[in-house]
């Protein structure tokens, strides 16, 4: 599956839109690193910068985020079909904190 985020502007708009999409689909994204992809993995993970990931760690990722994070476009490539990444309305919808 491939998604392209091309929100015009030069203040990380496309990047933030891609990150929001990931958050809404319970996909963790790796730290930003100049001219490197960002790893993607389903679930609540903390993913290191691309250059700090070993080859076997990269192989276990569910996908990657590439492109110009500053001005776009940003591309998300994930394994599988869109139905495998359902929209999550709210991460804490079932929790009653108050």
PDB file of N, CA and C in Angstrom:
ATOM      1  N   UNK A   1       0.842  -1.168   0.000  1.00  0.00           N
ATOM      2  CA  UNK A   1       0.000   0.000   0.000  1.00  0.00           C
ATOM      3  C   UNK A   1       0.894   1.239   0.000  1.00  0.00           C
ATOM      4  N   UNK A   2       0.516   2.215  -0.779  1.00  0.00           N
ATOM      5  CA  UNK A   2       1.307   3.443  -0.878  1.00  0.00           C
ATOM      6  C   UNK A   2       0.375   4.642  -0.753  1.00  0.00           C
ATOM      7  N   UNK A   3       0.715   5.563   0.137  1.00  0.00           N
ATOM      8  CA  UNK A   3      -0.042   6.800   0.334  1.00  0.00           C
ATOM      9  C   UNK A   3       0.884   7.984   0.120  1.00  0.00           C
ATOM     10  N   UNK A   4       0.374   9.020  -0.539  1.00  0.00           N
ATOM     11  CA  UNK A   4       1.176  10.218  -0.799  1.00  0.00           C
ATOM     12  C   UNK A   4       0.494  11.414  -0.139  1.00  0.00           C
ATOM     13  N   UNK A   5       1.256  12.144   0.653  1.00  0.00           N
ATOM     14  CA  UNK A   5       0.783  13.349   1.323  1.00  0.00           C
ATOM     15  C   UNK A   5       1.533  14.519   0.713  1.00  0.00           C
ATOM     16  N   UNK A   6       0.794  15.402   0.043  1.00  0.00           N
ATOM     17  CA  UNK A   6       1.424  16.509  -0.672  1.00  0.00           C
ATOM     18  C   UNK A   6       0.765  17.823  -0.301  1.00  0.00           C
ATOM     19  N   UNK A   7       0.652  18.077   0.981  1.00  0.00           N
ATOM     20  CA  UNK A   7       0.084  19.321   1.469  1.00  0.00           C
ATOM     21  C   UNK A   7       1.084  20.440   1.190  1.00  0.00           C
ATOM     22  N   UNK A   8       0.695  21.461   0.411  1.00  0.00           N
ATOM     23  CA  UNK A   8       1.662  22.509   0.058  1.00  0.00           C
ATOM     24  C   UNK A   8       2.123  23.316   1.276  1.00  0.00           C
ATOM     25  N   UNK A   9       3.320  23.815   1.177  1.00  0.00           N
ATOM     26  CA  UNK A   9       3.885  24.609   2.259  1.00  0.00           C
ATOM     27  C   UNK A   9       5.305  24.161   2.546  1.00  0.00           C
ATOM     28  N   UNK A  10       5.955  24.871   3.439  1.00  0.00           N
ATOM     29  CA  UNK A  10       7.346  24.508   3.733  1.00  0.00           C
ATOM     30  C   UNK A  10       7.601  24.420   5.232  1.00  0.00           C
ATOM     31  N   UNK A  11       6.573  24.134   5.983  1.00  0.00           N
ATOM     32  CA  UNK A  11       6.742  24.024   7.430  1.00  0.00           C
ATOM     33  C   UNK A  11       6.288  22.667   7.936  1.00  0.00           C
ATOM     34  N   UNK A  12       6.704  21.601   7.272  1.00  0.00           N
ATOM     35  CA  UNK A  12       6.412  20.237   7.672  1.00  0.00           C
ATOM     36  C   UNK A  12       4.932  19.873   7.578  1.00  0.00           C
ATOM     37  N   UNK A  13       4.128  20.587   6.767  1.00  0.00           N
ATOM     38  CA  UNK A  13       2.703  20.293   6.676  1.00  0.00           C
ATOM     39  C   UNK A  13       2.443  18.874   6.191  1.00  0.00           C
ATOM     40  N   UNK A  14       3.090  18.443   5.109  1.00  0.00           N
ATOM     41  CA  UNK A  14       2.882  17.094   4.579  1.00  0.00           C
ATOM     42  C   UNK A  14       3.356  16.049   5.581  1.00  0.00           C
ATOM     43  N   UNK A  15       4.448  16.316   6.246  1.00  0.00           N
ATOM     44  CA  UNK A  15       4.979  15.400   7.255  1.00  0.00           C
ATOM     45  C   UNK A  15       3.998  15.255   8.410  1.00  0.00           C
ATOM     46  N   UNK A  16       3.468  16.358   8.905  1.00  0.00           N
ATOM     47  CA  UNK A  16       2.520  16.318  10.022  1.00  0.00           C
ATOM     48  C   UNK A  16       1.227  15.598   9.615  1.00  0.00           C
ATOM     49  N   UNK A  17       0.804  15.788   8.368  1.00  0.00           N
ATOM     50  CA  UNK A  17      -0.385  15.106   7.877  1.00  0.00           C
ATOM     51  C   UNK A  17      -0.140  13.586   7.829  1.00  0.00           C
ATOM     52  N   UNK A  18       1.028  13.179   7.378  1.00  0.00           N
ATOM     53  CA  UNK A  18       1.387  11.754   7.336  1.00  0.00           C
ATOM     54  C   UNK A  18       1.484  11.181   8.751  1.00  0.00           C
ATOM     55  N   UNK A  19       2.077  11.932   9.667  1.00  0.00           N
ATOM     56  CA  UNK A  19       2.169  11.482  11.057  1.00  0.00           C
ATOM     57  C   UNK A  19       0.780  11.329  11.675  1.00  0.00           C
ATOM     58  N   UNK A  20      -0.116  12.268  11.390  1.00  0.00           N
ATOM     59  CA  UNK A  20      -1.484  12.188  11.919  1.00  0.00           C
ATOM     60  C   UNK A  20      -2.193  10.957  11.367  1.00  0.00           C
ATOM     61  N   UNK A  21      -1.978  10.668  10.076  1.00  0.00           N
ATOM     62  CA  UNK A  21      -2.580   9.473   9.492  1.00  0.00           C
ATOM     63  C   UNK A  21      -2.083   8.233  10.237  1.00  0.00           C
ATOM     64  N   UNK A  22      -0.788   8.175  10.491  1.00  0.00           N
ATOM     65  CA  UNK A  22      -0.214   7.037  11.218  1.00  0.00           C
ATOM     66  C   UNK A  22      -0.813   6.917  12.610  1.00  0.00           C
ATOM     67  N   UNK A  23      -0.924   8.012  13.326  1.00  0.00           N
ATOM     68  CA  UNK A  23      -1.484   7.992  14.678  1.00  0.00           C
ATOM     69  C   UNK A  23      -2.922   7.508  14.662  1.00  0.00           C
ATOM     70  N   UNK A  24      -3.699   7.916  13.650  1.00  0.00           N
ATOM     71  CA  UNK A  24      -5.094   7.511  13.540  1.00  0.00           C
ATOM     72  C   UNK A  24      -5.262   6.048  13.151  1.00  0.00           C
ATOM     73  N   UNK A  25      -4.181   5.413  12.734  1.00  0.00           N
ATOM     74  CA  UNK A  25      -4.225   4.004  12.352  1.00  0.00           C
ATOM     75  C   UNK A  25      -3.317   3.154  13.246  1.00  0.00           C
ATOM     76  N   UNK A  26      -2.962   3.682  14.416  1.00  0.00           N
ATOM     77  CA  UNK A  26      -2.137   2.989  15.414  1.00  0.00           C
ATOM     78  C   UNK A  26      -0.816   2.492  14.829  1.00  0.00           C
ATOM     79  N   UNK A  27      -0.154   3.371  14.093  1.00  0.00           N
ATOM     80  CA  UNK A  27       1.135   3.043  13.490  1.00  0.00           C
ATOM     81  C   UNK A  27       2.194   3.969  14.083  1.00  0.00           C
ATOM     82  N   UNK A  28       3.211   3.378  14.674  1.00  0.00           N
ATOM     83  CA  UNK A  28       4.321   4.156  15.225  1.00  0.00           C
ATOM     84  C   UNK A  28       5.266   4.527  14.090  1.00  0.00           C
ATOM     85  N   UNK A  29       5.867   5.728  14.187  1.00  0.00           N
ATOM     86  CA  UNK A  29       6.821   6.174  13.168  1.00  0.00           C
ATOM     87  C   UNK A  29       8.133   6.542  13.839  1.00  0.00           C
ATOM     88  N   UNK A  30       9.214   6.296  13.097  1.00  0.00           N
ATOM     89  CA  UNK A  30      10.553   6.534  13.621  1.00  0.00           C
ATOM     90  C   UNK A  30      10.925   7.999  13.661  1.00  0.00           C
ATOM     91  N   UNK A  31      12.032   8.250  14.317  1.00  0.00           N
ATOM     92  CA  UNK A  31      12.546   9.611  14.445  1.00  0.00           C
ATOM     93  C   UNK A  31      13.016  10.136  13.095  1.00  0.00           C
ATOM     94  N   UNK A  32      12.917  11.442  12.915  1.00  0.00           N
ATOM     95  CA  UNK A  32      13.387  12.075  11.684  1.00  0.00           C
ATOM     96  C   UNK A  32      14.900  12.103  11.642  1.00  0.00           C
ATOM     97  N   UNK A  33      15.421  11.888  10.437  1.00  0.00           N
ATOM     98  CA  UNK A  33      16.850  11.964  10.201  1.00  0.00           C
ATOM     99  C   UNK A  33      17.047  12.447   8.769  1.00  0.00           C
ATOM    100  N   UNK A  34      17.870  13.425   8.592  1.00  0.00           N
ATOM    101  CA  UNK A  34      18.051  14.053   7.283  1.00  0.00           C
ATOM    102  C   UNK A  34      18.370  13.032   6.197  1.00  0.00           C
ATOM    103  N   UNK A  35      17.615  13.113   5.089  1.00  0.00           N
ATOM    104  CA  UNK A  35      17.810  12.285   3.900  1.00  0.00           C
ATOM    105  C   UNK A  35      17.700  10.788   4.153  1.00  0.00           C
ATOM    106  N   UNK A  36      16.971  10.384   5.183  1.00  0.00           N
ATOM    107  CA  UNK A  36      16.784   8.971   5.496  1.00  0.00           C
ATOM    108  C   UNK A  36      15.294   8.675   5.676  1.00  0.00           C
ATOM    109  N   UNK A  37      14.870   7.444   5.384  1.00  0.00           N
ATOM    110  CA  UNK A  37      13.475   7.076   5.647  1.00  0.00           C
ATOM    111  C   UNK A  37      13.191   7.023   7.142  1.00  0.00           C
ATOM    112  N   UNK A  38      11.921   6.904   7.462  1.00  0.00           N
ATOM    113  CA  UNK A  38      11.482   6.713   8.837  1.00  0.00           C
ATOM    114  C   UNK A  38      10.747   5.385   8.903  1.00  0.00           C
ATOM    115  N   UNK A  39      11.116   4.545   9.847  1.00  0.00           N
ATOM    116  CA  UNK A  39      10.473   3.244   9.979  1.00  0.00           C
ATOM    117  C   UNK A  39       9.052   3.365  10.494  1.00  0.00           C
ATOM    118  N   UNK A  40       8.193   2.427  10.071  1.00  0.00           N
ATOM    119  CA  UNK A  40       6.803   2.373  10.503  1.00  0.00           C
ATOM    120  C   UNK A  40       6.505   0.980  11.049  1.00  0.00           C
ATOM    121  N   UNK A  41       5.765   0.933  12.160  1.00  0.00           N
ATOM    122  CA  UNK A  41       5.406  -0.346  12.757  1.00  0.00           C
ATOM    123  C   UNK A  41       4.060  -0.207  13.463  1.00  0.00           C
ATOM    124  N   UNK A  42       3.187  -1.178  13.254  1.00  0.00           N
ATOM    125  CA  UNK A  42       1.868  -1.155  13.882  1.00  0.00           C
ATOM    126  C   UNK A  42       2.017  -1.426  15.373  1.00  0.00           C
ATOM    127  N   UNK A  43       1.408  -0.550  16.176  1.00  0.00           N
ATOM    128  CA  UNK A  43       1.443  -0.711  17.625  1.00  0.00           C
ATOM    129  C   UNK A  43       2.168   0.427  18.309  1.00  0.00           C
ATOM    130  N   UNK A  44       2.288   0.310  19.599  1.00  0.00           N
ATOM    131  CA  UNK A  44       2.912   1.353  20.415  1.00  0.00           C
ATOM    132  C   UNK A  44       4.403   1.126  20.575  1.00  0.00           C
ATOM    133  N   UNK A  45       5.160   1.478  19.592  1.00  0.00           N
ATOM    134  CA  UNK A  45       6.611   1.278  19.610  1.00  0.00           C
ATOM    135  C   UNK A  45       7.349   2.612  19.579  1.00  0.00           C
ATOM    136  N   UNK A  46       8.584   2.586  19.986  1.00  0.00           N
ATOM    137  CA  UNK A  46       9.499   3.707  19.798  1.00  0.00           C
ATOM    138  C   UNK A  46      10.538   3.217  18.800  1.00  0.00           C
ATOM    139  N   UNK A  47      10.631   3.911  17.671  1.00  0.00           N
ATOM    140  CA  UNK A  47      11.504   3.471  16.589  1.00  0.00           C
ATOM    141  C   UNK A  47      12.663   4.444  16.460  1.00  0.00           C
ATOM    142  N   UNK A  48      13.853   3.916  16.427  1.00  0.00           N
ATOM    143  CA  UNK A  48      15.062   4.736  16.333  1.00  0.00           C
ATOM    144  C   UNK A  48      15.208   5.347  14.938  1.00  0.00           C
ATOM    145  N   UNK A  49      16.175   6.227  14.815  1.00  0.00           N
ATOM    146  CA  UNK A  49      16.526   6.779  13.508  1.00  0.00           C
ATOM    147  C   UNK A  49      16.954   5.649  12.585  1.00  0.00           C
ATOM    148  N   UNK A  50      16.739   5.849  11.288  1.00  0.00           N
ATOM    149  CA  UNK A  50      17.023   4.817  10.292  1.00  0.00           C
ATOM    150  C   UNK A  50      18.461   4.317  10.373  1.00  0.00           C
ATOM    151  N   UNK A  51      19.410   5.221  10.523  1.00  0.00           N
ATOM    152  CA  UNK A  51      20.824   4.816  10.539  1.00  0.00           C
ATOM    153  C   UNK A  51      21.188   4.017  11.793  1.00  0.00           C
ATOM    154  N   UNK A  52      20.363   4.084  12.829  1.00  0.00           N
ATOM    155  CA  UNK A  52      20.609   3.318  14.044  1.00  0.00           C
ATOM    156  C   UNK A  52      19.925   1.955  14.039  1.00  0.00           C
ATOM    157  N   UNK A  53      19.114   1.676  13.009  1.00  0.00           N
ATOM    158  CA  UNK A  53      18.452   0.385  12.900  1.00  0.00           C
ATOM    159  C   UNK A  53      19.368  -0.604  12.183  1.00  0.00           C
ATOM    160  N   UNK A  54      19.469  -1.787  12.711  1.00  0.00           N
ATOM    161  CA  UNK A  54      20.259  -2.841  12.077  1.00  0.00           C
ATOM    162  C   UNK A  54      19.442  -3.456  10.941  1.00  0.00           C
ATOM    163  N   UNK A  55      20.101  -4.117   9.999  1.00  0.00           N
ATOM    164  CA  UNK A  55      19.371  -4.702   8.862  1.00  0.00           C
ATOM    165  C   UNK A  55      18.216  -5.621   9.271  1.00  0.00           C
ATOM    166  N   UNK A  56      18.403  -6.444  10.299  1.00  0.00           N
ATOM    167  CA  UNK A  56      17.311  -7.333  10.707  1.00  0.00           C
ATOM    168  C   UNK A  56      16.157  -6.552  11.341  1.00  0.00           C
ATOM    169  N   UNK A  57      16.451  -5.397  11.965  1.00  0.00           N
ATOM    170  CA  UNK A  57      15.396  -4.556  12.527  1.00  0.00           C
ATOM    171  C   UNK A  57      14.610  -3.879  11.405  1.00  0.00           C
ATOM    172  N   UNK A  58      15.300  -3.426  10.377  1.00  0.00           N
ATOM    173  CA  UNK A  58      14.629  -2.823   9.228  1.00  0.00           C
ATOM    174  C   UNK A  58      13.710  -3.822   8.548  1.00  0.00           C
ATOM    175  N   UNK A  59      14.143  -5.082   8.495  1.00  0.00           N
ATOM    176  CA  UNK A  59      13.350  -6.125   7.845  1.00  0.00           C
ATOM    177  C   UNK A  59      12.056  -6.427   8.596  1.00  0.00           C
ATOM    178  N   UNK A  60      12.015  -6.163   9.900  1.00  0.00           N
ATOM    179  CA  UNK A  60      10.818  -6.454  10.683  1.00  0.00           C
ATOM    180  C   UNK A  60       9.806  -5.308  10.678  1.00  0.00           C
ATOM    181  N   UNK A  61      10.168  -4.160  10.120  1.00  0.00           N
ATOM    182  CA  UNK A  61       9.248  -3.024  10.072  1.00  0.00           C
ATOM    183  C   UNK A  61       8.067  -3.335   9.153  1.00  0.00           C
ATOM    184  N   UNK A  62       6.941  -2.675   9.409  1.00  0.00           N
ATOM    185  CA  UNK A  62       5.760  -2.834   8.565  1.00  0.00           C
ATOM    186  C   UNK A  62       5.799  -1.917   7.348  1.00  0.00           C
ATOM    187  N   UNK A  63       6.712  -0.954   7.350  1.00  0.00           N
ATOM    188  CA  UNK A  63       6.822  -0.045   6.221  1.00  0.00           C
ATOM    189  C   UNK A  63       7.784   1.077   6.525  1.00  0.00           C
ATOM    190  N   UNK A  64       7.741   2.100   5.640  1.00  0.00           N
ATOM    191  CA  UNK A  64       8.605   3.257   5.847  1.00  0.00           C
ATOM    192  C   UNK A  64       7.948   4.514   5.296  1.00  0.00           C
ATOM    193  N   UNK A  65       8.410   5.649   5.817  1.00  0.00           N
ATOM    194  CA  UNK A  65       7.960   6.969   5.390  1.00  0.00           C
ATOM    195  C   UNK A  65       9.152   7.646   4.735  1.00  0.00           C
ATOM    196  N   UNK A  66       8.969   8.114   3.509  1.00  0.00           N
ATOM    197  CA  UNK A  66      10.051   8.764   2.769  1.00  0.00           C
ATOM    198  C   UNK A  66       9.575  10.094   2.204  1.00  0.00           C
ATOM    199  N   UNK A  67      10.500  10.849   1.653  1.00  0.00           N
ATOM    200  CA  UNK A  67      10.165  12.114   1.001  1.00  0.00           C
ATOM    201  C   UNK A  67      10.817  13.292   1.688  1.00  0.00           C
ATOM    202  N   UNK A  68      10.411  14.473   1.265  1.00  0.00           N
ATOM    203  CA  UNK A  68      10.932  15.708   1.828  1.00  0.00           C
ATOM    204  C   UNK A  68      10.041  16.101   2.997  1.00  0.00           C
ATOM    205  N   UNK A  69      10.513  15.842   4.201  1.00  0.00           N
ATOM    206  CA  UNK A  69       9.698  16.094   5.390  1.00  0.00           C
ATOM    207  C   UNK A  69       9.412  17.584   5.584  1.00  0.00           C
ATOM    208  N   UNK A  70      10.287  18.443   5.104  1.00  0.00           N
ATOM    209  CA  UNK A  70      10.099  19.880   5.264  1.00  0.00           C
ATOM    210  C   UNK A  70       9.013  20.417   4.345  1.00  0.00           C
ATOM    211  N   UNK A  71       9.085  20.118   3.053  1.00  0.00           N
ATOM    212  CA  UNK A  71       8.159  20.738   2.112  1.00  0.00           C
ATOM    213  C   UNK A  71       7.306  19.754   1.324  1.00  0.00           C
ATOM    214  N   UNK A  72       7.463  18.447   1.570  1.00  0.00           N
ATOM    215  CA  UNK A  72       6.643  17.451   0.893  1.00  0.00           C
ATOM    216  C   UNK A  72       7.110  17.187  -0.526  1.00  0.00           C
ATOM    217  N   UNK A  73       6.561  16.237  -1.201  1.00  0.00           N
ATOM    218  CA  UNK A  73       5.587  15.283  -0.698  1.00  0.00           C
ATOM    219  C   UNK A  73       6.225  14.231   0.206  1.00  0.00           C
ATOM    220  N   UNK A  74       5.388  13.615   1.027  1.00  0.00           N
ATOM    221  CA  UNK A  74       5.805  12.537   1.923  1.00  0.00           C
ATOM    222  C   UNK A  74       5.051  11.286   1.500  1.00  0.00           C
ATOM    223  N   UNK A  75       5.765  10.177   1.394  1.00  0.00           N
ATOM    224  CA  UNK A  75       5.178   8.919   0.930  1.00  0.00           C
ATOM    225  C   UNK A  75       5.250   7.888   2.056  1.00  0.00           C
ATOM    226  N   UNK A  76       4.124   7.246   2.311  1.00  0.00           N
ATOM    227  CA  UNK A  76       4.059   6.137   3.263  1.00  0.00           C
ATOM    228  C   UNK A  76       3.889   4.859   2.453  1.00  0.00           C
ATOM    229  N   UNK A  77       4.781   3.911   2.678  1.00  0.00           N
ATOM    230  CA  UNK A  77       4.679   2.602   2.043  1.00  0.00           C
ATOM    231  C   UNK A  77       4.543   1.565   3.148  1.00  0.00           C
ATOM    232  N   UNK A  78       3.452   0.806   3.102  1.00  0.00           N
ATOM    233  CA  UNK A  78       3.172  -0.219   4.108  1.00  0.00           C
ATOM    234  C   UNK A  78       2.912  -1.554   3.435  1.00  0.00           C
ATOM    235  N   UNK A  79       3.238  -2.628   4.144  1.00  0.00           N
ATOM    236  CA  UNK A  79       2.935  -3.970   3.665  1.00  0.00           C
ATOM    237  C   UNK A  79       1.430  -4.188   3.740  1.00  0.00           C
ATOM    238  N   UNK A  80       0.865  -4.932   2.816  1.00  0.00           N
ATOM    239  CA  UNK A  80      -0.546  -5.301   2.882  1.00  0.00           C
ATOM    240  C   UNK A  80      -1.476  -4.315   2.209  1.00  0.00           C
ATOM    241  N   UNK A  81      -2.740  -4.475   2.541  1.00  0.00           N
ATOM    242  CA  UNK A  81      -3.825  -3.695   1.955  1.00  0.00           C
ATOM    243  C   UNK A  81      -4.360  -2.662   2.947  1.00  0.00           C
ATOM    244  N   UNK A  82      -5.057  -1.631   2.443  1.00  0.00           N
ATOM    245  CA  UNK A  82      -5.607  -0.602   3.341  1.00  0.00           C
ATOM    246  C   UNK A  82      -6.532  -1.158   4.426  1.00  0.00           C
ATOM    247  N   UNK A  83      -7.255  -2.227   4.143  1.00  0.00           N
ATOM    248  CA  UNK A  83      -8.167  -2.801   5.135  1.00  0.00           C
ATOM    249  C   UNK A  83      -7.412  -3.348   6.353  1.00  0.00           C
ATOM    250  N   UNK A  84      -6.141  -3.618   6.191  1.00  0.00           N
ATOM    251  CA  UNK A  84      -5.333  -4.118   7.296  1.00  0.00           C
ATOM    252  C   UNK A  84      -4.917  -3.040   8.282  1.00  0.00           C
ATOM    253  N   UNK A  85      -5.248  -1.778   7.984  1.00  0.00           N
ATOM    254  CA  UNK A  85      -4.888  -0.646   8.837  1.00  0.00           C
ATOM    255  C   UNK A  85      -6.138   0.184   9.118  1.00  0.00           C
ATOM    256  N   UNK A  86      -7.038  -0.307   9.977  1.00  0.00           N
ATOM    257  CA  UNK A  86      -8.300   0.396  10.219  1.00  0.00           C
ATOM    258  C   UNK A  86      -8.105   1.707  10.964  1.00  0.00           C
ATOM    259  N   UNK A  87      -9.028   2.622  10.735  1.00  0.00           N
ATOM    260  CA  UNK A  87      -9.030   3.921  11.411  1.00  0.00           C
ATOM    261  C   UNK A  87      -9.423   3.728  12.862  1.00  0.00           C
ATOM    262  N   UNK A  88      -8.667   4.323  13.768  1.00  0.00           N
ATOM    263  CA  UNK A  88      -8.945   4.282  15.203  1.00  0.00           C
ATOM    264  C   UNK A  88      -9.486   5.664  15.581  1.00  0.00           C
ATOM    265  N   UNK A  89     -10.757   5.726  16.017  1.00  0.00           N
ATOM    266  CA  UNK A  89     -11.362   7.029  16.311  1.00  0.00           C
ATOM    267  C   UNK A  89     -10.599   7.783  17.372  1.00  0.00           C
ATOM    268  N   UNK A  90     -10.314   7.134  18.462  1.00  0.00           N
ATOM    269  CA  UNK A  90      -9.563   7.760  19.528  1.00  0.00           C
ATOM    270  C   UNK A  90      -8.793   6.670  20.252  1.00  0.00           C
ATOM    271  N   UNK A  91      -7.552   6.909  20.490  1.00  0.00           N
ATOM    272  CA  UNK A  91      -6.709   5.917  21.148  1.00  0.00           C
ATOM    273  C   UNK A  91      -7.239   5.572  22.539  1.00  0.00           C
ATOM    274  N   UNK A  92      -7.908   6.522  23.189  1.00  0.00           N
ATOM    275  CA  UNK A  92      -8.391   6.318  24.549  1.00  0.00           C
ATOM    276  C   UNK A  92      -9.913   6.402  24.621  1.00  0.00           C
ATOM    277  N   UNK A  93     -10.608   5.990  23.587  1.00  0.00           N
ATOM    278  CA  UNK A  93     -12.064   6.123  23.535  1.00  0.00           C
ATOM    279  C   UNK A  93     -12.762   5.332  24.628  1.00  0.00           C
ATOM    280  N   UNK A  94     -12.211   4.185  25.005  1.00  0.00           N
ATOM    281  CA  UNK A  94     -12.854   3.346  26.010  1.00  0.00           C
ATOM    282  C   UNK A  94     -12.499   3.705  27.442  1.00  0.00           C
ATOM    283  N   UNK A  95     -11.531   4.565  27.623  1.00  0.00           N
ATOM    284  CA  UNK A  95     -11.081   4.931  28.969  1.00  0.00           C
ATOM    285  C   UNK A  95     -11.920   6.094  29.517  1.00  0.00           C
ATOM    286  N   UNK A  96     -12.327   5.956  30.750  1.00  0.00           N
ATOM    287  CA  UNK A  96     -13.055   7.040  31.426  1.00  0.00           C
ATOM    288  C   UNK A  96     -12.125   7.593  32.510  1.00  0.00           C
ATOM    289  N   UNK A  97     -11.509   8.701  32.210  1.00  0.00           N
ATOM    290  CA  UNK A  97     -10.567   9.305  33.147  1.00  0.00           C
ATOM    291  C   UNK A  97     -11.239  10.246  34.121  1.00  0.00           C
ATOM    292  N   UNK A  98     -12.454  10.697  33.813  1.00  0.00           N
ATOM    293  CA  UNK A  98     -13.102  11.690  34.659  1.00  0.00           C
ATOM    294  C   UNK A  98     -14.408  11.176  35.210  1.00  0.00           C
TER     295      UNK A  98
END
